Amino acid sequence: MKDTGRANIGKFKDPLVTADGQDRARVSLTNPQTLWFNTGTLCNIECVNCYIESSPTNDALVYLTEAEVTDYLDQLEERRWGVREIGFTGGEPFLNPQMIGMARACLARGYEVLILTNAMRPMMRKSMRAGLLELRDAYGDKLTLRISVDHYAAAHHDAERGVGSFDKTLEGMKWLRDHGFRMAVAGRSMWEETEAQTRDGFAALYARHDFKIDAYNPAETVIFPEMDESVEVPEITTACWGILNKSPDAVMCSSSRMVVKRKGAQKPAVLACTLLPYDPQFELGETLEQAERDVMLNHPHCAKFCVLGGASCSA
């Protein structure tokens, strides 16, 4: 497992018990709503704090194919999970040459589709724009593009993603706006601002560019807490649910799973969480049936991001 920093020495070692010997909290798959597909870790840019370490050279997770996605859609029907949404993340999904086909396969079966993108050059290639327009015409608002906009100010966004990134992302968003696509935004809370200030800033950005996105709706403007593994966080015990007045059913791994394909692997694998693609203890098997087992909350992200932060990657 990745080093969780000196602040958490002794913690997150045993999947069953915490450092002080209490029963570790676990989460069951009680209400599956979203199946994620990681289309590959290759990306057109390299962000300073990318949790999955995407870059133009990182192919630790390789491209999924439409045939592989279709196999898991078949499994969804066989297992009767009741999923309503299929999410695609990366890397940059529009680098995957089969992105349009994978989205179409999901939309054709009646699922809502969410694609996470930086809306930059890969999405703006002629072939991808043509494919998106076909999907829009056939499926309308069943397709949502969630754009990564780290901050509403260009300087902060570009500090993470490279000089000029903000303007290139805005260019892609304007194209989506002008062609009637449904958009959402994913920002980050790594600056010294209150959530209210951040949302006000995004509201002003949307108003300036006539983006039909609600800055105050967490499903349309997602503000993710920062995932710093060097910060000390408490381990989540079974007693924490009552202390925090929270239910395990509210944690992301109770409602979602993610499919990835590792470099050199013959088949994709199913993970418990979109945030932990490299930690082997969160790999649940190759099939959805195998992935129905409980997830032990044995990582700082489980505490800081999901239980205490209350964040979710879904819409």
C-alpha atoms as a PDB file:
ATOM      1  CA  MET A   1       0.000   0.000   0.000  1.00  0.00           C
ATOM      2  CA  LYS A   2       1.184   3.541  -0.738  1.00  0.00           C
ATOM      3  CA  ASP A   3       2.924   5.292   2.151  1.00  0.00           C
ATOM      4  CA  THR A   4       0.286   7.228   4.060  1.00  0.00           C
ATOM      5  CA  GLY A   5       2.760   9.677   5.590  1.00  0.00           C
ATOM      6  CA  ARG A   6       4.368  10.080   9.005  1.00  0.00           C
ATOM      7  CA  ALA A   7       1.157  11.512  10.465  1.00  0.00           C
ATOM      8  CA  ASN A   8      -0.534   8.113  10.100  1.00  0.00           C
ATOM      9  CA  ILE A   9       2.274   5.816  11.261  1.00  0.00           C
ATOM     10  CA  GLY A  10       0.812   2.657  12.775  1.00  0.00           C
ATOM     11  CA  LYS A  11      -2.603   3.253  11.270  1.00  0.00           C
ATOM     12  CA  PHE A  12      -4.352   1.608   8.321  1.00  0.00           C
ATOM     13  CA  LYS A  13      -2.305  -1.593   8.580  1.00  0.00           C
ATOM     14  CA  ASP A  14      -4.779  -4.335   9.484  1.00  0.00           C
ATOM     15  CA  PRO A  15      -7.944  -4.586   7.376  1.00  0.00           C
ATOM     16  CA  LEU A  16      -9.945  -5.908  10.322  1.00  0.00           C
ATOM     17  CA  VAL A  17      -8.851  -3.783  13.283  1.00  0.00           C
ATOM     18  CA  THR A  18      -7.580  -0.241  13.854  1.00  0.00           C
ATOM     19  CA  ALA A  19      -4.256   0.662  15.454  1.00  0.00           C
ATOM     20  CA  ASP A  20      -5.872   0.757  18.901  1.00  0.00           C
ATOM     21  CA  GLY A  21      -7.510  -2.646  18.443  1.00  0.00           C
ATOM     22  CA  GLN A  22     -11.078  -1.615  17.626  1.00  0.00           C
ATOM     23  CA  ASP A  23     -13.164  -3.260  14.921  1.00  0.00           C
ATOM     24  CA  ARG A  24     -12.603  -1.456  11.637  1.00  0.00           C
ATOM     25  CA  ALA A  25     -15.687  -0.178   9.841  1.00  0.00           C
ATOM     26  CA  ARG A  26     -16.775  -1.967   6.703  1.00  0.00           C
ATOM     27  CA  VAL A  27     -19.216  -1.032   3.952  1.00  0.00           C
ATOM     28  CA  SER A  28     -21.517  -3.375   2.048  1.00  0.00           C
ATOM     29  CA  LEU A  29     -22.711  -2.838  -1.506  1.00  0.00           C
ATOM     30  CA  THR A  30     -26.299  -2.054  -0.525  1.00  0.00           C
ATOM     31  CA  ASN A  31     -27.579   0.215  -3.287  1.00  0.00           C
ATOM     32  CA  PRO A  32     -25.444   0.126  -6.436  1.00  0.00           C
ATOM     33  CA  GLN A  33     -26.180   3.226  -8.480  1.00  0.00           C
ATOM     34  CA  THR A  34     -23.011   3.896 -10.493  1.00  0.00           C
ATOM     35  CA  LEU A  35     -20.561   1.674 -12.337  1.00  0.00           C
ATOM     36  CA  TRP A  36     -17.368   3.504 -13.245  1.00  0.00           C
ATOM     37  CA  PHE A  37     -15.001   2.643 -16.065  1.00  0.00           C
ATOM     38  CA  ASN A  38     -11.460   4.001 -16.002  1.00  0.00           C
ATOM     39  CA  THR A  39     -10.666   4.436 -19.673  1.00  0.00           C
ATOM     40  CA  GLY A  40      -6.901   4.517 -19.029  1.00  0.00           C
ATOM     41  CA  THR A  41      -4.434   6.690 -17.111  1.00  0.00           C
ATOM     42  CA  LEU A  42      -2.951   8.449 -20.139  1.00  0.00           C
ATOM     43  CA  CYS A  43      -3.748  12.163 -20.142  1.00  0.00           C
ATOM     44  CA  ASN A  44      -2.841  15.111 -22.344  1.00  0.00           C
ATOM     45  CA  ILE A  45      -1.616  17.067 -19.281  1.00  0.00           C
ATOM     46  CA  GLU A  46       0.070  16.284 -15.972  1.00  0.00           C
ATOM     47  CA  CYS A  47      -1.525  17.941 -12.933  1.00  0.00           C
ATOM     48  CA  VAL A  48       0.469  18.744  -9.809  1.00  0.00           C
ATOM     49  CA  ASN A  49      -1.805  16.858  -7.406  1.00  0.00           C
ATOM     50  CA  CYS A  50      -3.438  14.203  -9.598  1.00  0.00           C
ATOM     51  CA  TYR A  51      -4.584  11.403  -7.274  1.00  0.00           C
ATOM     52  CA  ILE A  52      -4.243   8.802 -10.012  1.00  0.00           C
ATOM     53  CA  GLU A  53      -0.930  10.189 -11.372  1.00  0.00           C
ATOM     54  CA  SER A  54      -2.270  10.579 -14.903  1.00  0.00           C
ATOM     55  CA  SER A  55       0.143  11.990 -17.473  1.00  0.00           C
ATOM     56  CA  PRO A  56       1.100  11.735 -21.151  1.00  0.00           C
ATOM     57  CA  THR A  57       3.327   8.747 -20.243  1.00  0.00           C
ATOM     58  CA  ASN A  58       1.504   6.875 -17.433  1.00  0.00           C
ATOM     59  CA  ASP A  59      -0.157   3.810 -18.949  1.00  0.00           C
ATOM     60  CA  ALA A  60      -0.371   1.810 -15.710  1.00  0.00           C
ATOM     61  CA  LEU A  61      -4.065   1.502 -16.521  1.00  0.00           C
ATOM     62  CA  VAL A  62      -4.489   0.829 -20.224  1.00  0.00           C
ATOM     63  CA  TYR A  63      -7.349   1.638 -22.565  1.00  0.00           C
ATOM     64  CA  LEU A  64     -10.572  -0.262 -22.037  1.00  0.00           C
ATOM     65  CA  THR A  65     -12.433  -1.412 -25.133  1.00  0.00           C
ATOM     66  CA  GLU A  66     -16.080  -1.220 -26.096  1.00  0.00           C
ATOM     67  CA  ALA A  67     -16.255  -5.033 -25.989  1.00  0.00           C
ATOM     68  CA  GLU A  68     -14.989  -5.057 -22.390  1.00  0.00           C
ATOM     69  CA  VAL A  69     -17.477  -2.396 -21.347  1.00  0.00           C
ATOM     70  CA  THR A  70     -20.284  -4.341 -23.011  1.00  0.00           C
ATOM     71  CA  ASP A  71     -19.314  -7.462 -21.064  1.00  0.00           C
ATOM     72  CA  TYR A  72     -19.784  -5.590 -17.774  1.00  0.00           C
ATOM     73  CA  LEU A  73     -23.096  -4.169 -18.976  1.00  0.00           C
ATOM     74  CA  ASP A  74     -24.203  -7.772 -19.541  1.00  0.00           C
ATOM     75  CA  GLN A  75     -23.047  -8.607 -16.022  1.00  0.00           C
ATOM     76  CA  LEU A  76     -25.057  -5.685 -14.636  1.00  0.00           C
ATOM     77  CA  GLU A  77     -28.193  -7.161 -16.127  1.00  0.00           C
ATOM     78  CA  GLU A  78     -27.354 -10.643 -14.873  1.00  0.00           C
ATOM     79  CA  ARG A  79     -26.651  -9.413 -11.325  1.00  0.00           C
ATOM     80  CA  ARG A  80     -29.649  -7.028 -11.334  1.00  0.00           C
ATOM     81  CA  TRP A  81     -27.750  -4.305  -9.527  1.00  0.00           C
ATOM     82  CA  GLY A  82     -30.216  -1.595 -10.490  1.00  0.00           C
ATOM     83  CA  VAL A  83     -27.486   0.819 -11.590  1.00  0.00           C
ATOM     84  CA  ARG A  84     -28.801   4.039 -13.138  1.00  0.00           C
ATOM     85  CA  GLU A  85     -25.527   5.711 -14.143  1.00  0.00           C
ATOM     86  CA  ILE A  86     -22.353   4.723 -15.968  1.00  0.00           C
ATOM     87  CA  GLY A  87     -19.360   6.967 -15.321  1.00  0.00           C
ATOM     88  CA  PHE A  88     -16.176   7.266 -17.388  1.00  0.00           C
ATOM     89  CA  THR A  89     -13.007   8.665 -15.889  1.00  0.00           C
ATOM     90  CA  GLY A  90      -9.297   8.582 -16.623  1.00  0.00           C
ATOM     91  CA  GLY A  91      -6.726   9.878 -17.368  1.00  0.00           C
ATOM     92  CA  GLU A  92      -8.485  11.819 -20.057  1.00  0.00           C
ATOM     93  CA  PRO A  93     -11.315   9.647 -21.414  1.00  0.00           C
ATOM     94  CA  PHE A  94     -11.317  11.288 -24.851  1.00  0.00           C
ATOM     95  CA  LEU A  95      -7.787  10.015 -25.500  1.00  0.00           C
ATOM     96  CA  ASN A  96      -9.303   6.521 -25.644  1.00  0.00           C
ATOM     97  CA  PRO A  97     -10.177   5.987 -29.335  1.00  0.00           C
ATOM     98  CA  GLN A  98     -13.275   3.944 -28.381  1.00  0.00           C
ATOM     99  CA  MET A  99     -14.747   6.547 -26.008  1.00  0.00           C
ATOM    100  CA  ILE A 100     -17.724   7.389 -28.204  1.00  0.00           C
ATOM    101  CA  GLY A 101     -18.517   3.725 -28.816  1.00  0.00           C
ATOM    102  CA  MET A 102     -18.317   2.903 -25.103  1.00  0.00           C
ATOM    103  CA  ALA A 103     -20.648   5.782 -24.239  1.00  0.00           C
ATOM    104  CA  ARG A 104     -23.074   4.787 -26.982  1.00  0.00           C
ATOM    105  CA  ALA A 105     -23.190   1.191 -25.750  1.00  0.00           C
ATOM    106  CA  CYS A 106     -24.244   2.408 -22.289  1.00  0.00           C
ATOM    107  CA  LEU A 107     -26.729   5.006 -23.503  1.00  0.00           C
ATOM    108  CA  ALA A 108     -28.349   2.485 -25.840  1.00  0.00           C
ATOM    109  CA  ARG A 109     -29.216   0.329 -22.830  1.00  0.00           C
ATOM    110  CA  GLY A 110     -30.945   3.198 -21.076  1.00  0.00           C
ATOM    111  CA  TYR A 111     -28.224   4.259 -18.635  1.00  0.00           C
ATOM    112  CA  GLU A 112     -27.355   7.842 -17.852  1.00  0.00           C
ATOM    113  CA  VAL A 113     -23.730   8.479 -18.820  1.00  0.00           C
ATOM    114  CA  LEU A 114     -21.276  10.797 -17.059  1.00  0.00           C
ATOM    115  CA  ILE A 115     -17.916  11.526 -18.697  1.00  0.00           C
ATOM    116  CA  LEU A 116     -15.200  13.281 -16.683  1.00  0.00           C
ATOM    117  CA  THR A 117     -12.999  15.394 -18.965  1.00  0.00           C
ATOM    118  CA  ASN A 118     -10.740  18.427 -19.017  1.00  0.00           C
ATOM    119  CA  ALA A 119     -12.551  19.514 -22.233  1.00  0.00           C
ATOM    120  CA  MET A 120      -9.239  20.252 -23.908  1.00  0.00           C
ATOM    121  CA  ARG A 121      -7.715  19.072 -27.173  1.00  0.00           C
ATOM    122  CA  PRO A 122      -8.609  15.344 -26.951  1.00  0.00           C
ATOM    123  CA  MET A 123     -12.332  16.171 -26.648  1.00  0.00           C
ATOM    124  CA  MET A 124     -12.058  18.863 -29.308  1.00  0.00           C
ATOM    125  CA  ARG A 125     -10.678  16.588 -32.007  1.00  0.00           C
ATOM    126  CA  LYS A 126     -12.943  16.509 -35.048  1.00  0.00           C
ATOM    127  CA  SER A 127     -13.826  12.818 -34.647  1.00  0.00           C
ATOM    128  CA  MET A 128     -14.747  13.214 -30.974  1.00  0.00           C
ATOM    129  CA  ARG A 129     -16.866  16.298 -31.575  1.00  0.00           C
ATOM    130  CA  ALA A 130     -18.708  14.505 -34.365  1.00  0.00           C
ATOM    131  CA  GLY A 131     -19.318  11.507 -32.117  1.00  0.00           C
ATOM    132  CA  LEU A 132     -20.546  13.691 -29.262  1.00  0.00           C
ATOM    133  CA  LEU A 133     -22.994  15.429 -31.563  1.00  0.00           C
ATOM    134  CA  GLU A 134     -24.372  12.041 -32.627  1.00  0.00           C
ATOM    135  CA  LEU A 135     -24.810  11.043 -28.989  1.00  0.00           C
ATOM    136  CA  ARG A 136     -26.509  14.357 -28.205  1.00  0.00           C
ATOM    137  CA  ASP A 137     -28.942  13.924 -31.072  1.00  0.00           C
ATOM    138  CA  ALA A 138     -29.790  10.365 -30.058  1.00  0.00           C
ATOM    139  CA  TYR A 139     -29.811  10.618 -26.265  1.00  0.00           C
ATOM    140  CA  GLY A 140     -29.979  14.293 -25.258  1.00  0.00           C
ATOM    141  CA  ASP A 141     -29.668  14.965 -21.538  1.00  0.00           C
ATOM    142  CA  LYS A 142     -28.913  11.324 -20.738  1.00  0.00           C
ATOM    143  CA  LEU A 143     -25.292  12.340 -21.375  1.00  0.00           C
ATOM    144  CA  THR A 144     -23.446  14.712 -19.010  1.00  0.00           C
ATOM    145  CA  LEU A 145     -19.910  16.039 -19.412  1.00  0.00           C
ATOM    146  CA  ARG A 146     -18.313  16.900 -16.053  1.00  0.00           C
ATOM    147  CA  ILE A 147     -15.486  19.348 -16.653  1.00  0.00           C
ATOM    148  CA  SER A 148     -12.457  19.537 -14.370  1.00  0.00           C
ATOM    149  CA  VAL A 149     -12.132  23.193 -13.373  1.00  0.00           C
ATOM    150  CA  ASP A 150      -9.931  23.220 -10.286  1.00  0.00           C
ATOM    151  CA  HIS A 151     -10.741  26.845  -9.459  1.00  0.00           C
ATOM    152  CA  TYR A 152     -12.829  29.620 -10.969  1.00  0.00           C
ATOM    153  CA  ALA A 153      -9.702  31.809 -11.233  1.00  0.00           C
ATOM    154  CA  ALA A 154      -7.324  31.065 -14.094  1.00  0.00           C
ATOM    155  CA  ALA A 155      -4.189  31.553 -11.985  1.00  0.00           C
ATOM    156  CA  HIS A 156      -5.116  28.862  -9.443  1.00  0.00           C
ATOM    157  CA  HIS A 157      -6.359  26.442 -12.111  1.00  0.00           C
ATOM    158  CA  ASP A 158      -3.225  26.909 -14.236  1.00  0.00           C
ATOM    159  CA  ALA A 159      -0.967  26.439 -11.206  1.00  0.00           C
ATOM    160  CA  GLU A 160      -2.284  22.877 -11.040  1.00  0.00           C
ATOM    161  CA  ARG A 161      -2.711  22.094 -14.725  1.00  0.00           C
ATOM    162  CA  GLY A 162      -0.219  24.232 -16.625  1.00  0.00           C
ATOM    163  CA  VAL A 163      -0.187  27.731 -18.079  1.00  0.00           C
ATOM    164  CA  GLY A 164      -3.001  28.223 -20.573  1.00  0.00           C
ATOM    165  CA  SER A 165      -5.027  25.236 -19.403  1.00  0.00           C
ATOM    166  CA  PHE A 166      -7.867  27.375 -18.063  1.00  0.00           C
ATOM    167  CA  ASP A 167      -8.476  29.111 -21.388  1.00  0.00           C
ATOM    168  CA  LYS A 168      -8.326  25.834 -23.313  1.00  0.00           C
ATOM    169  CA  THR A 169     -10.860  24.261 -20.957  1.00  0.00           C
ATOM    170  CA  LEU A 170     -13.146  27.291 -21.330  1.00  0.00           C
ATOM    171  CA  GLU A 171     -12.909  26.907 -25.108  1.00  0.00           C
ATOM    172  CA  GLY A 172     -14.151  23.331 -24.821  1.00  0.00           C
ATOM    173  CA  MET A 173     -16.925  24.332 -22.424  1.00  0.00           C
ATOM    174  CA  LYS A 174     -18.089  27.049 -24.810  1.00  0.00           C
ATOM    175  CA  TRP A 175     -18.296  24.495 -27.604  1.00  0.00           C
ATOM    176  CA  LEU A 176     -20.379  22.229 -25.366  1.00  0.00           C
ATOM    177  CA  ARG A 177     -22.570  25.199 -24.382  1.00  0.00           C
ATOM    178  CA  ASP A 178     -23.134  26.278 -27.975  1.00  0.00           C
ATOM    179  CA  HIS A 179     -24.133  22.743 -28.986  1.00  0.00           C
ATOM    180  CA  GLY A 180     -26.594  22.145 -26.172  1.00  0.00           C
ATOM    181  CA  PHE A 181     -24.711  19.610 -24.047  1.00  0.00           C
ATOM    182  CA  ARG A 182     -25.473  19.086 -20.389  1.00  0.00           C
ATOM    183  CA  MET A 183     -22.465  20.121 -18.300  1.00  0.00           C
ATOM    184  CA  ALA A 184     -21.307  19.861 -14.713  1.00  0.00           C
ATOM    185  CA  VAL A 185     -18.039  20.961 -13.074  1.00  0.00           C
ATOM    186  CA  ALA A 186     -15.605  19.371 -10.632  1.00  0.00           C
ATOM    187  CA  GLY A 187     -13.579  21.839  -8.533  1.00  0.00           C
ATOM    188  CA  ARG A 188     -11.235  21.472  -5.594  1.00  0.00           C
ATOM    189  CA  SER A 189     -11.099  22.914  -2.083  1.00  0.00           C
ATOM    190  CA  MET A 190      -7.351  23.321  -1.750  1.00  0.00           C
ATOM    191  CA  TRP A 191      -7.333  27.111  -1.394  1.00  0.00           C
ATOM    192  CA  GLU A 192      -8.065  29.189   1.718  1.00  0.00           C
ATOM    193  CA  GLU A 193     -11.716  29.747   0.970  1.00  0.00           C
ATOM    194  CA  THR A 194     -15.002  28.742   2.499  1.00  0.00           C
ATOM    195  CA  GLU A 195     -17.241  26.528   0.401  1.00  0.00           C
ATOM    196  CA  ALA A 196     -19.647  29.456   0.073  1.00  0.00           C
ATOM    197  CA  GLN A 197     -16.889  31.656  -1.372  1.00  0.00           C
ATOM    198  CA  THR A 198     -15.869  28.943  -3.799  1.00  0.00           C
ATOM    199  CA  ARG A 199     -19.424  28.449  -5.009  1.00  0.00           C
ATOM    200  CA  ASP A 200     -19.935  32.198  -5.372  1.00  0.00           C
ATOM    201  CA  GLY A 201     -16.803  32.334  -7.509  1.00  0.00           C
ATOM    202  CA  PHE A 202     -18.036  29.536  -9.763  1.00  0.00           C
ATOM    203  CA  ALA A 203     -21.461  31.196 -10.017  1.00  0.00           C
ATOM    204  CA  ALA A 204     -19.796  34.372 -11.291  1.00  0.00           C
ATOM    205  CA  LEU A 205     -17.738  32.353 -13.805  1.00  0.00           C
ATOM    206  CA  TYR A 206     -20.853  30.596 -15.115  1.00  0.00           C
ATOM    207  CA  ALA A 207     -22.755  33.861 -15.401  1.00  0.00           C
ATOM    208  CA  ARG A 208     -19.947  35.510 -17.394  1.00  0.00           C
ATOM    209  CA  HIS A 209     -19.983  32.720 -19.952  1.00  0.00           C
ATOM    210  CA  ASP A 210     -23.675  31.804 -19.865  1.00  0.00           C
ATOM    211  CA  PHE A 211     -22.941  28.256 -18.725  1.00  0.00           C
ATOM    212  CA  LYS A 212     -26.152  26.567 -17.583  1.00  0.00           C
ATOM    213  CA  ILE A 213     -24.587  25.030 -14.471  1.00  0.00           C
ATOM    214  CA  ASP A 214     -25.855  25.523 -10.938  1.00  0.00           C
ATOM    215  CA  ALA A 215     -22.946  26.545  -8.707  1.00  0.00           C
ATOM    216  CA  TYR A 216     -24.958  25.812  -5.565  1.00  0.00           C
ATOM    217  CA  ASN A 217     -26.120  22.324  -6.516  1.00  0.00           C
ATOM    218  CA  PRO A 218     -23.486  19.774  -5.322  1.00  0.00           C
ATOM    219  CA  ALA A 219     -24.481  17.429  -8.137  1.00  0.00           C
ATOM    220  CA  GLU A 220     -23.683  20.072 -10.776  1.00  0.00           C
ATOM    221  CA  THR A 221     -20.697  21.735  -9.105  1.00  0.00           C
ATOM    222  CA  VAL A 222     -18.756  19.159  -7.120  1.00  0.00           C
ATOM    223  CA  ILE A 223     -16.138  20.585  -4.744  1.00  0.00           C
ATOM    224  CA  PHE A 224     -13.767  17.778  -3.806  1.00  0.00           C
ATOM    225  CA  PRO A 225     -11.814  17.828  -0.540  1.00  0.00           C
ATOM    226  CA  GLU A 226      -8.081  17.516  -1.033  1.00  0.00           C
ATOM    227  CA  MET A 227      -6.627  14.019  -0.647  1.00  0.00           C
ATOM    228  CA  ASP A 228      -3.383  14.643   1.239  1.00  0.00           C
ATOM    229  CA  GLU A 229      -2.102  11.358   2.669  1.00  0.00           C
ATOM    230  CA  SER A 230       0.414  13.193   4.869  1.00  0.00           C
ATOM    231  CA  VAL A 231      -2.356  14.724   6.994  1.00  0.00           C
ATOM    232  CA  GLU A 232      -3.378  12.755  10.073  1.00  0.00           C
ATOM    233  CA  VAL A 233      -6.912  11.383   9.929  1.00  0.00           C
ATOM    234  CA  PRO A 234      -8.781   9.105  12.340  1.00  0.00           C
ATOM    235  CA  GLU A 235      -9.428   5.472  11.507  1.00  0.00           C
ATOM    236  CA  ILE A 236     -13.110   4.690  11.113  1.00  0.00           C
ATOM    237  CA  THR A 237     -14.380   2.073  13.568  1.00  0.00           C
ATOM    238  CA  THR A 238     -17.765   0.398  13.727  1.00  0.00           C
ATOM    239  CA  ALA A 239     -18.592   2.727  16.640  1.00  0.00           C
ATOM    240  CA  CYS A 240     -18.010   5.794  14.446  1.00  0.00           C
ATOM    241  CA  TRP A 241     -21.291   5.398  12.587  1.00  0.00           C
ATOM    242  CA  GLY A 242     -23.228   6.194  15.750  1.00  0.00           C
ATOM    243  CA  ILE A 243     -20.787   8.833  16.976  1.00  0.00           C
ATOM    244  CA  LEU A 244     -20.844  10.666  13.648  1.00  0.00           C
ATOM    245  CA  ASN A 245     -24.540   9.994  13.055  1.00  0.00           C
ATOM    246  CA  LYS A 246     -23.685   8.575   9.651  1.00  0.00           C
ATOM    247  CA  SER A 247     -24.735   5.452   7.826  1.00  0.00           C
ATOM    248  CA  PRO A 248     -22.382   3.189   5.850  1.00  0.00           C
ATOM    249  CA  ASP A 249     -25.030   3.374   3.122  1.00  0.00           C
ATOM    250  CA  ALA A 250     -23.960   6.999   2.530  1.00  0.00           C
ATOM    251  CA  VAL A 251     -20.352   6.060   1.716  1.00  0.00           C
ATOM    252  CA  MET A 252     -19.402   5.835  -1.945  1.00  0.00           C
ATOM    253  CA  CYS A 253     -18.412   2.163  -1.925  1.00  0.00           C
ATOM    254  CA  SER A 254     -21.959   1.234  -0.862  1.00  0.00           C
ATOM    255  CA  SER A 255     -23.265   2.483  -4.202  1.00  0.00           C
ATOM    256  CA  SER A 256     -20.477   2.142  -6.781  1.00  0.00           C
ATOM    257  CA  ARG A 257     -17.611   0.109  -8.196  1.00  0.00           C
ATOM    258  CA  MET A 258     -14.938   0.873 -10.824  1.00  0.00           C
ATOM    259  CA  VAL A 259     -13.584  -1.271 -13.654  1.00  0.00           C
ATOM    260  CA  VAL A 260      -9.927  -0.867 -14.676  1.00  0.00           C
ATOM    261  CA  LYS A 261      -7.497  -2.748 -16.869  1.00  0.00           C
ATOM    262  CA  ARG A 262      -3.928  -2.935 -15.618  1.00  0.00           C
ATOM    263  CA  LYS A 263      -1.017  -2.920 -18.014  1.00  0.00           C
ATOM    264  CA  GLY A 264      -0.162  -6.511 -18.938  1.00  0.00           C
ATOM    265  CA  ALA A 265      -3.397  -7.962 -17.519  1.00  0.00           C
ATOM    266  CA  GLN A 266      -5.477 -10.323 -19.621  1.00  0.00           C
ATOM    267  CA  LYS A 267      -8.766  -9.064 -18.211  1.00  0.00           C
ATOM    268  CA  PRO A 268     -10.088  -5.971 -16.449  1.00  0.00           C
ATOM    269  CA  ALA A 269     -10.572  -5.926 -12.677  1.00  0.00           C
ATOM    270  CA  VAL A 270     -13.256  -4.425 -10.458  1.00  0.00           C
ATOM    271  CA  LEU A 271     -12.196  -2.035  -7.698  1.00  0.00           C
ATOM    272  CA  ALA A 272     -14.051  -0.899  -4.611  1.00  0.00           C
ATOM    273  CA  CYS A 273     -13.279   2.760  -5.165  1.00  0.00           C
ATOM    274  CA  THR A 274     -12.464   5.269  -7.882  1.00  0.00           C
ATOM    275  CA  LEU A 275      -9.884   6.927  -5.597  1.00  0.00           C
ATOM    276  CA  LEU A 276      -7.663   3.916  -4.884  1.00  0.00           C
ATOM    277  CA  PRO A 277      -6.668   2.406  -8.232  1.00  0.00           C
ATOM    278  CA  TYR A 278      -3.239   1.163  -7.131  1.00  0.00           C
ATOM    279  CA  ASP A 279      -3.927  -0.320  -3.682  1.00  0.00           C
ATOM    280  CA  PRO A 280      -4.303  -4.110  -4.105  1.00  0.00           C
ATOM    281  CA  GLN A 281      -6.531  -4.512  -1.036  1.00  0.00           C
ATOM    282  CA  PHE A 282      -9.288  -2.614  -2.868  1.00  0.00           C
ATOM    283  CA  GLU A 283      -9.241  -4.902  -5.913  1.00  0.00           C
ATOM    284  CA  LEU A 284     -12.247  -7.199  -5.563  1.00  0.00           C
ATOM    285  CA  GLY A 285     -11.961  -9.565  -8.521  1.00  0.00           C
ATOM    286  CA  GLU A 286     -12.595  -9.713 -12.251  1.00  0.00           C
ATOM    287  CA  THR A 287     -16.388  -9.945 -12.143  1.00  0.00           C
ATOM    288  CA  LEU A 288     -19.225  -7.953 -10.641  1.00  0.00           C
ATOM    289  CA  GLU A 289     -20.267 -11.017  -8.667  1.00  0.00           C
ATOM    290  CA  GLN A 290     -16.862 -11.120  -6.975  1.00  0.00           C
ATOM    291  CA  ALA A 291     -17.093  -7.372  -6.338  1.00  0.00           C
ATOM    292  CA  GLU A 292     -20.225  -7.700  -4.218  1.00  0.00           C
ATOM    293  CA  ARG A 293     -18.208  -8.348  -1.041  1.00  0.00           C
ATOM    294  CA  ASP A 294     -17.757  -5.860   1.803  1.00  0.00           C
ATOM    295  CA  VAL A 295     -15.105  -3.134   1.680  1.00  0.00           C
ATOM    296  CA  MET A 296     -12.929  -2.523   4.746  1.00  0.00           C
ATOM    297  CA  LEU A 297     -12.250   1.203   5.298  1.00  0.00           C
ATOM    298  CA  ASN A 298      -8.506   0.707   5.593  1.00  0.00           C
ATOM    299  CA  HIS A 299      -7.115   3.853   3.967  1.00  0.00           C
ATOM    300  CA  PRO A 300      -6.875   7.560   4.896  1.00  0.00           C
ATOM    301  CA  HIS A 301      -9.002   8.464   1.869  1.00  0.00           C
ATOM    302  CA  CYS A 302     -11.849   6.371   3.296  1.00  0.00           C
ATOM    303  CA  ALA A 303     -11.883   8.599   6.370  1.00  0.00           C
ATOM    304  CA  LYS A 304     -10.996  12.048   5.038  1.00  0.00           C
ATOM    305  CA  PHE A 305     -12.687  11.981   1.649  1.00  0.00           C
ATOM    306  CA  CYS A 306     -15.713   9.732   2.061  1.00  0.00           C
ATOM    307  CA  VAL A 307     -16.778   9.401   5.704  1.00  0.00           C
ATOM    308  CA  LEU A 308     -15.681  12.761   7.139  1.00  0.00           C
ATOM    309  CA  GLY A 309     -15.656  14.731   3.884  1.00  0.00           C
ATOM    310  CA  GLY A 310     -18.924  13.285   2.658  1.00  0.00           C
ATOM    311  CA  ALA A 311     -17.760  13.419  -0.950  1.00  0.00           C
ATOM    312  CA  SER A 312     -18.957  11.304  -3.847  1.00  0.00           C
ATOM    313  CA  CYS A 313     -17.770  11.008  -7.431  1.00  0.00           C
ATOM    314  CA  SER A 314     -21.246  10.341  -8.778  1.00  0.00           C
ATOM    315  CA  ALA A 315     -23.752  12.929  -9.914  1.00  0.00           C
END
